[in-house]
C-alpha atoms as a PDB file:
ATOM      1  CA  MET A   1      37.894 -26.891  15.933  1.00  0.00           C
ATOM      2  CA  PRO A   2      35.996 -28.160  12.875  1.00  0.00           C
ATOM      3  CA  ASN A   3      38.075 -29.860  10.244  1.00  0.00           C
ATOM      4  CA  ALA A   4      38.813 -28.049   6.996  1.00  0.00           C
ATOM      5  CA  LYS A   5      36.534 -30.246   4.881  1.00  0.00           C
ATOM      6  CA  VAL A   6      33.452 -29.639   7.046  1.00  0.00           C
ATOM      7  CA  LEU A   7      34.245 -25.931   7.241  1.00  0.00           C
ATOM      8  CA  SER A   8      34.587 -25.616   3.455  1.00  0.00           C
ATOM      9  CA  GLU A   9      31.274 -27.498   2.953  1.00  0.00           C
ATOM     10  CA  LYS A  10      29.498 -25.123   5.330  1.00  0.00           C
ATOM     11  CA  GLN A  11      31.075 -22.099   3.616  1.00  0.00           C
ATOM     12  CA  ALA A  12      29.811 -23.412   0.262  1.00  0.00           C
ATOM     13  CA  ILE A  13      26.278 -23.802   1.697  1.00  0.00           C
ATOM     14  CA  VAL A  14      26.396 -20.240   3.085  1.00  0.00           C
ATOM     15  CA  ALA A  15      27.626 -18.920  -0.282  1.00  0.00           C
ATOM     16  CA  GLU A  16      24.798 -20.730  -2.090  1.00  0.00           C
ATOM     17  CA  LEU A  17      22.189 -19.440   0.392  1.00  0.00           C
ATOM     18  CA  THR A  18      23.587 -15.919   0.030  1.00  0.00           C
ATOM     19  CA  ASP A  19      23.268 -16.097  -3.763  1.00  0.00           C
ATOM     20  CA  LYS A  20      19.698 -17.413  -3.494  1.00  0.00           C
ATOM     21  CA  LEU A  21      18.725 -14.639  -1.071  1.00  0.00           C
ATOM     22  CA  LYS A  22      20.295 -11.957  -3.291  1.00  0.00           C
ATOM     23  CA  SER A  23      18.488 -13.157  -6.410  1.00  0.00           C
ATOM     24  CA  ALA A  24      15.128 -13.871  -4.731  1.00  0.00           C
ATOM     25  CA  ALA A  25      12.184 -11.534  -5.263  1.00  0.00           C
ATOM     26  CA  SER A  26      10.908 -12.488  -1.811  1.00  0.00           C
ATOM     27  CA  GLY A  27      10.998 -15.155   0.844  1.00  0.00           C
ATOM     28  CA  VAL A  28       9.768 -16.262   4.234  1.00  0.00           C
ATOM     29  CA  LEU A  29      11.316 -18.066   7.170  1.00  0.00           C
ATOM     30  CA  VAL A  30       8.968 -20.713   8.549  1.00  0.00           C
ATOM     31  CA  ASP A  31       8.611 -22.543  11.848  1.00  0.00           C
ATOM     32  CA  TYR A  32       7.500 -26.028  10.803  1.00  0.00           C
ATOM     33  CA  LYS A  33       7.563 -27.930  14.116  1.00  0.00           C
ATOM     34  CA  GLY A  34       5.196 -30.848  14.354  1.00  0.00           C
ATOM     35  CA  ILE A  35       3.985 -31.238  10.778  1.00  0.00           C
ATOM     36  CA  THR A  36       3.678 -34.781   9.493  1.00  0.00           C
ATOM     37  CA  VAL A  37       5.483 -36.241   6.504  1.00  0.00           C
ATOM     38  CA  ALA A  38       2.230 -36.200   4.509  1.00  0.00           C
ATOM     39  CA  GLU A  39       1.664 -32.515   5.357  1.00  0.00           C
ATOM     40  CA  ASP A  40       5.267 -31.697   4.437  1.00  0.00           C
ATOM     41  CA  THR A  41       4.887 -33.564   1.135  1.00  0.00           C
ATOM     42  CA  ALA A  42       1.713 -31.603   0.340  1.00  0.00           C
ATOM     43  CA  LEU A  43       3.472 -28.332   1.209  1.00  0.00           C
ATOM     44  CA  ARG A  44       6.449 -29.153  -1.006  1.00  0.00           C
ATOM     45  CA  ALA A  45       4.129 -30.056  -3.902  1.00  0.00           C
ATOM     46  CA  GLU A  46       2.313 -26.726  -3.522  1.00  0.00           C
ATOM     47  CA  CYS A  47       5.672 -24.910  -3.408  1.00  0.00           C
ATOM     48  CA  ARG A  48       6.797 -26.612  -6.638  1.00  0.00           C
ATOM     49  CA  LYS A  49       3.473 -25.739  -8.287  1.00  0.00           C
ATOM     50  CA  ASN A  50       4.055 -22.073  -7.379  1.00  0.00           C
ATOM     51  CA  GLU A  51       7.739 -22.203  -8.424  1.00  0.00           C
ATOM     52  CA  LEU A  52       9.087 -21.726  -4.900  1.00  0.00           C
ATOM     53  CA  ASP A  53      12.392 -22.977  -3.534  1.00  0.00           C
ATOM     54  CA  TYR A  54      11.542 -24.589  -0.192  1.00  0.00           C
ATOM     55  CA  ALA A  55      14.112 -26.200   2.082  1.00  0.00           C
ATOM     56  CA  VAL A  56      14.811 -26.869   5.719  1.00  0.00           C
ATOM     57  CA  VAL A  57      17.806 -24.753   6.749  1.00  0.00           C
ATOM     58  CA  LYS A  58      20.217 -24.690   9.640  1.00  0.00           C
ATOM     59  CA  ASN A  59      19.756 -21.525  11.693  1.00  0.00           C
ATOM     60  CA  THR A  60      23.493 -20.838  11.964  1.00  0.00           C
ATOM     61  CA  LEU A  61      24.094 -21.142   8.227  1.00  0.00           C
ATOM     62  CA  VAL A  62      21.070 -19.066   7.216  1.00  0.00           C
ATOM     63  CA  ARG A  63      22.091 -16.449   9.807  1.00  0.00           C
ATOM     64  CA  PHE A  64      25.439 -16.015   8.023  1.00  0.00           C
ATOM     65  CA  ALA A  65      23.687 -15.761   4.638  1.00  0.00           C
ATOM     66  CA  ILE A  66      21.125 -13.252   5.945  1.00  0.00           C
ATOM     67  CA  ASN A  67      23.897 -11.124   7.433  1.00  0.00           C
ATOM     68  CA  ASN A  68      25.784 -11.293   4.103  1.00  0.00           C
ATOM     69  CA  VAL A  69      22.824  -9.696   2.300  1.00  0.00           C
ATOM     70  CA  GLY A  70      22.163  -7.063   4.968  1.00  0.00           C
ATOM     71  CA  MET A  71      18.946  -8.401   6.511  1.00  0.00           C
ATOM     72  CA  GLU A  72      20.197  -8.746  10.093  1.00  0.00           C
ATOM     73  CA  GLU A  73      16.740  -7.834  11.453  1.00  0.00           C
ATOM     74  CA  MET A  74      15.689 -11.456  10.885  1.00  0.00           C
ATOM     75  CA  ASP A  75      18.425 -12.845  13.195  1.00  0.00           C
ATOM     76  CA  GLY A  76      16.068 -12.827  16.178  1.00  0.00           C
ATOM     77  CA  VAL A  77      13.731 -15.454  14.713  1.00  0.00           C
ATOM     78  CA  LEU A  78      16.445 -17.956  13.867  1.00  0.00           C
ATOM     79  CA  ASN A  79      15.814 -20.503  16.605  1.00  0.00           C
ATOM     80  CA  GLY A  80      14.006 -23.804  16.742  1.00  0.00           C
ATOM     81  CA  THR A  81      12.938 -25.458  13.520  1.00  0.00           C
ATOM     82  CA  THR A  82      13.391 -23.269  10.449  1.00  0.00           C
ATOM     83  CA  SER A  83      12.675 -23.677   6.767  1.00  0.00           C
ATOM     84  CA  LEU A  84      13.004 -21.136   3.981  1.00  0.00           C
ATOM     85  CA  ALA A  85      10.644 -20.531   1.054  1.00  0.00           C
ATOM     86  CA  LEU A  86      11.995 -18.325  -1.746  1.00  0.00           C
ATOM     87  CA  SER A  87      10.475 -17.009  -4.953  1.00  0.00           C
ATOM     88  CA  HIS A  88      12.421 -15.717  -7.925  1.00  0.00           C
ATOM     89  CA  GLY A  89       9.250 -14.841  -9.865  1.00  0.00           C
ATOM     90  CA  ASP A  90       5.966 -13.960  -8.150  1.00  0.00           C
ATOM     91  CA  PRO A  91       6.943 -11.958  -5.038  1.00  0.00           C
ATOM     92  CA  ILE A  92       3.662 -12.693  -3.245  1.00  0.00           C
ATOM     93  CA  ALA A  93       3.774 -16.486  -3.723  1.00  0.00           C
ATOM     94  CA  PRO A  94       5.850 -17.460  -0.637  1.00  0.00           C
ATOM     95  CA  MET A  95       3.642 -15.463   1.719  1.00  0.00           C
ATOM     96  CA  ARG A  96       0.423 -16.727   0.117  1.00  0.00           C
ATOM     97  CA  VAL A  97       1.400 -20.430  -0.001  1.00  0.00           C
ATOM     98  CA  ILE A  98       2.930 -20.577   3.479  1.00  0.00           C
ATOM     99  CA  ASN A  99       0.086 -18.559   5.026  1.00  0.00           C
ATOM    100  CA  LYS A 100      -2.447 -20.938   3.437  1.00  0.00           C
ATOM    101  CA  PHE A 101      -0.757 -23.872   5.175  1.00  0.00           C
ATOM    102  CA  ALA A 102      -0.372 -21.958   8.446  1.00  0.00           C
ATOM    103  CA  LYS A 103      -4.148 -21.338   8.465  1.00  0.00           C
ATOM    104  CA  GLN A 104      -4.765 -25.089   8.233  1.00  0.00           C
ATOM    105  CA  PHE A 105      -2.937 -25.554  11.532  1.00  0.00           C
ATOM    106  CA  ASN A 106      -4.104 -22.304  13.173  1.00  0.00           C
ATOM    107  CA  GLY A 107      -0.428 -21.381  13.583  1.00  0.00           C
ATOM    108  CA  ALA A 108      -0.072 -24.125  16.207  1.00  0.00           C
ATOM    109  CA  LYS A 109       2.583 -26.168  14.466  1.00  0.00           C
ATOM    110  CA  PHE A 110       3.355 -24.204  11.313  1.00  0.00           C
ATOM    111  CA  ALA A 111       3.868 -20.439  11.187  1.00  0.00           C
ATOM    112  CA  ILE A 112       5.702 -17.672   9.363  1.00  0.00           C
ATOM    113  CA  LYS A 113       8.590 -16.314  11.438  1.00  0.00           C
ATOM    114  CA  ALA A 114       9.782 -13.487   9.176  1.00  0.00           C
ATOM    115  CA  GLY A 115       9.869 -12.429   5.558  1.00  0.00           C
ATOM    116  CA  PHE A 116      11.444 -10.105   3.047  1.00  0.00           C
ATOM    117  CA  MET A 117      10.750  -8.629  -0.363  1.00  0.00           C
ATOM    118  CA  ASP A 118      13.275  -6.974  -2.678  1.00  0.00           C
ATOM    119  CA  GLY A 119      15.944  -7.102   0.036  1.00  0.00           C
ATOM    120  CA  LYS A 120      13.760  -5.325   2.616  1.00  0.00           C
ATOM    121  CA  VAL A 121      12.643  -7.126   5.778  1.00  0.00           C
ATOM    122  CA  LEU A 122       8.861  -6.960   6.191  1.00  0.00           C
ATOM    123  CA  SER A 123       6.853  -6.663   9.385  1.00  0.00           C
ATOM    124  CA  MET A 124       4.412  -9.468  10.217  1.00  0.00           C
ATOM    125  CA  ASP A 125       1.506  -7.117   9.395  1.00  0.00           C
ATOM    126  CA  GLU A 126       2.969  -6.488   5.925  1.00  0.00           C
ATOM    127  CA  ILE A 127       3.535 -10.213   5.389  1.00  0.00           C
ATOM    128  CA  MET A 128      -0.055 -11.043   6.367  1.00  0.00           C
ATOM    129  CA  ALA A 129      -1.453  -8.270   4.153  1.00  0.00           C
ATOM    130  CA  LEU A 130       0.551  -9.566   1.179  1.00  0.00           C
ATOM    131  CA  ALA A 131      -0.458 -13.159   1.945  1.00  0.00           C
ATOM    132  CA  GLU A 132      -4.128 -12.267   1.572  1.00  0.00           C
ATOM    133  CA  LEU A 133      -3.655 -10.847  -1.933  1.00  0.00           C
ATOM    134  CA  PRO A 134      -4.901 -13.046  -4.766  1.00  0.00           C
ATOM    135  CA  SER A 135      -2.431 -14.523  -7.260  1.00  0.00           C
ATOM    136  CA  LYS A 136      -1.122 -12.474 -10.168  1.00  0.00           C
ATOM    137  CA  GLU A 137      -3.405 -14.345 -12.571  1.00  0.00           C
ATOM    138  CA  ALA A 138      -6.466 -13.690 -10.384  1.00  0.00           C
ATOM    139  CA  LEU A 139      -5.613  -9.984 -10.190  1.00  0.00           C
ATOM    140  CA  GLN A 140      -5.216  -9.821 -13.973  1.00  0.00           C
ATOM    141  CA  ALA A 141      -8.605 -11.500 -14.410  1.00  0.00           C
ATOM    142  CA  GLN A 142     -10.198  -8.982 -12.018  1.00  0.00           C
ATOM    143  CA  VAL A 143      -8.719  -6.050 -13.958  1.00  0.00           C
ATOM    144  CA  LEU A 144      -9.868  -7.527 -17.262  1.00  0.00           C
ATOM    145  CA  GLY A 145     -13.342  -8.103 -15.832  1.00  0.00           C
ATOM    146  CA  THR A 146     -13.466  -4.501 -14.648  1.00  0.00           C
ATOM    147  CA  MET A 147     -12.456  -3.266 -18.099  1.00  0.00           C
ATOM    148  CA  LEU A 148     -15.048  -5.446 -19.856  1.00  0.00           C
ATOM    149  CA  ALA A 149     -17.947  -4.591 -17.507  1.00  0.00           C
ATOM    150  CA  PRO A 150     -18.867  -1.227 -19.146  1.00  0.00           C
ATOM    151  CA  ILE A 151     -18.747  -2.737 -22.639  1.00  0.00           C
ATOM    152  CA  THR A 152     -20.892  -5.675 -21.561  1.00  0.00           C
ATOM    153  CA  SER A 153     -23.375  -3.332 -19.878  1.00  0.00           C
ATOM    154  CA  LEU A 154     -23.601  -1.201 -23.028  1.00  0.00           C
ATOM    155  CA  ALA A 155     -24.279  -4.274 -25.168  1.00  0.00           C
ATOM    156  CA  ILE A 156     -27.045  -5.405 -22.792  1.00  0.00           C
ATOM    157  CA  VAL A 157     -28.695  -1.959 -22.821  1.00  0.00           C
ATOM    158  CA  LEU A 158     -28.528  -1.695 -26.625  1.00  0.00           C
ATOM    159  CA  LYS A 159     -30.028  -5.171 -26.992  1.00  0.00           C
ATOM    160  CA  ALA A 160     -32.867  -4.271 -24.585  1.00  0.00           C
ATOM    161  CA  ILE A 161     -33.622  -1.066 -26.499  1.00  0.00           C
ATOM    162  CA  ALA A 162     -33.632  -2.921 -29.823  1.00  0.00           C
ATOM    163  CA  GLU A 163     -35.976  -5.606 -28.478  1.00  0.00           C
ATOM    164  CA  GLU A 164     -38.293  -2.950 -27.040  1.00  0.00           C
ATOM    165  CA  LYS A 165     -38.503  -1.210 -30.432  1.00  0.00           C
ATOM    166  CA  GLY A 166     -39.457  -4.424 -32.173  1.00  0.00           C
ATOM    167  CA  GLY A 167     -36.113  -5.956 -33.053  1.00  0.00           C
ATOM    168  CA  PHE A 168     -33.265  -4.869 -35.221  1.00  0.00           C
ATOM    169  CA  VAL A 169     -34.100  -3.010 -38.417  1.00  0.00           C
ATOM    170  CA  GLU A 170     -32.345  -4.518 -41.398  1.00  0.00           C
ATOM    171  CA  ALA A 171     -31.531  -2.119 -44.196  1.00  0.00           C
ATOM    172  CA  GLU A 172     -32.988  -3.206 -47.525  1.00  0.00           C
ATOM    173  CA  ALA A 173     -30.427  -3.983 -50.120  1.00  0.00           C
ATOM    174  CA  PRO A 174     -30.684  -1.716 -53.161  1.00  0.00           C
ATOM    175  CA  ALA A 175     -32.115  -3.437 -56.192  1.00  0.00           C
ATOM    176  CA  ALA A 176     -29.556  -4.241 -58.867  1.00  0.00           C
ATOM    177  CA  GLU A 177     -30.247  -2.475 -62.127  1.00  0.00           C
END
């Protein structure tokens, strides 16, 4: 029987994890077996850069937190080494960042186990599809580029027509009387 102090500490950790899961836009559970300290440091730096909460978690404690928020479907992957990456902003960021690192290792020693978005557990196909999406900023730049393309094309055509006709015609200023 665990003593009361240890039990209350674990309950506090579960409560904190539950709150983080409830408030998160999305997250992924990761199998991180075999990565080096340098690789882990690089991953954590990338997570901070993308405003992700990344931490190694105990399977038993995260299982309680996941069950508290109604995502029991992820219970089956809670074995072995597990870490959790959460985003409270960009919902695609955890999938994109973790998938980028998983590709470096060909999934051999670092892989996504499961993920969720807006309280809904995602299939691995959905996670991989989301992971391949560009960042929010890149998508905004693509949309802006698409909107500017017709205007740019029009300007190029008008310039070509003007050059073909011998340049721009300047209107003569009326003589002052």
